[in-house]
Amino acid sequence: MGTTGTIIFFMVLLTIVGSVALLLATLKFYWGERGTPPLEGEAKRVAREKELAARAKQIEHSRNNPRKPRPESFWNNRRSG
């Protein structure tokens, strides 16, 4: 009975440790930095302006640096010879 009791003890201990770790991760995720309430008033307007400026910068960058397609030789996997 000693071996069975030891196994059960460690199973219960690991279950409790795992549950506490899951609880802490959940609390950190939902009520931590990401769980802040939404912005209001002036802070919301400033955040929106920053987002629009960043989007405009991305669009301008994509216009100035268009994607270049790969050359046809890149897709040719046949041996030459």
Protein backbone atom coordinates (compact mmCIF):
# COMPACT_ATOMS: atom_id res chain seq x y z
CA MET A 1 0.00 0.00 0.00
CA GLY A 2 3.00 2.27 0.44
CA THR A 3 3.80 2.40 -3.29
CA THR A 4 0.18 2.99 -4.28
CA GLY A 5 -0.15 5.73 -1.68
CA THR A 6 3.01 7.41 -2.96
CA ILE A 7 1.76 7.34 -6.54
CA ILE A 8 -1.63 8.75 -5.53
CA PHE A 9 0.09 11.44 -3.44
CA PHE A 10 2.26 12.56 -6.37
CA MET A 11 -0.70 12.48 -8.76
CA VAL A 12 -2.71 14.73 -6.43
CA LEU A 13 0.29 17.00 -5.88
CA LEU A 14 0.99 17.38 -9.60
CA THR A 15 -2.70 17.97 -10.29
CA ILE A 16 -2.78 20.78 -7.74
CA VAL A 17 0.45 22.32 -9.07
CA GLY A 18 -0.88 22.16 -12.65
CA SER A 19 -4.21 23.67 -11.64
CA VAL A 20 -2.49 26.55 -9.84
CA ALA A 21 -0.24 27.19 -12.86
CA LEU A 22 -3.28 27.22 -15.17
CA LEU A 23 -5.13 29.56 -12.82
CA LEU A 24 -2.20 31.97 -12.65
CA ALA A 25 -1.78 31.99 -16.43
CA THR A 26 -5.50 32.60 -16.89
CA LEU A 27 -5.55 35.43 -14.37
CA LYS A 28 -2.49 37.03 -15.98
CA PHE A 29 -4.00 36.75 -19.46
CA TYR A 30 -7.50 37.98 -18.71
CA TRP A 31 -6.85 40.43 -15.89
CA GLY A 32 -3.27 41.44 -16.66
CA GLU A 33 -2.01 43.96 -19.19
CA ARG A 34 -4.30 42.68 -21.92
CA GLY A 35 -7.35 42.92 -19.69
CA THR A 36 -7.34 46.70 -19.42
CA PRO A 37 -10.64 48.44 -20.14
CA PRO A 38 -11.07 50.13 -23.52
CA LEU A 39 -9.84 53.67 -23.98
CA GLU A 40 -12.24 56.56 -23.66
CA GLY A 41 -12.38 60.15 -24.86
CA GLU A 42 -9.10 61.87 -25.69
CA ALA A 43 -6.98 58.73 -25.26
CA LYS A 44 -9.19 56.89 -27.77
CA ARG A 45 -8.84 59.72 -30.30
CA VAL A 46 -5.05 59.81 -29.93
CA ALA A 47 -4.80 56.02 -30.32
CA ARG A 48 -6.97 56.16 -33.44
CA GLU A 49 -4.82 58.91 -34.98
CA LYS A 50 -1.65 56.89 -34.28
CA GLU A 51 -3.22 53.83 -35.91
CA LEU A 52 -4.26 55.80 -39.01
CA ALA A 53 -0.76 57.33 -39.30
CA ALA A 54 0.81 53.87 -39.08
CA ARG A 55 -1.54 52.53 -41.77
CA ALA A 56 -0.77 55.48 -44.04
CA LYS A 57 2.95 54.81 -43.57
CA GLN A 58 2.46 51.13 -44.47
CA ILE A 59 0.50 52.02 -47.61
CA GLU A 60 3.13 54.56 -48.69
CA HIS A 61 5.90 52.01 -48.10
CA SER A 62 4.08 49.38 -50.17
CA ARG A 63 3.60 51.87 -53.02
CA ASN A 64 7.28 52.83 -53.00
CA ASN A 65 8.49 49.21 -52.72
CA PRO A 66 6.29 46.95 -54.86
CA ARG A 67 6.68 43.20 -54.62
CA LYS A 68 8.99 41.64 -57.16
CA PRO A 69 7.93 38.26 -58.56
CA ARG A 70 10.47 35.47 -58.55
CA PRO A 71 12.23 34.79 -61.84
CA GLU A 72 11.07 31.81 -63.89
CA SER A 73 14.46 30.12 -63.41
CA PHE A 74 13.74 29.93 -59.67
CA TRP A 75 10.77 27.61 -60.25
CA ASN A 76 12.60 25.35 -62.72
CA ASN A 77 13.73 22.30 -60.74
CA ARG A 78 14.86 20.24 -63.71
CA ARG A 79 18.48 19.30 -64.00
CA SER A 80 20.31 21.14 -66.71
CA GLY A 81 22.37 18.65 -68.55
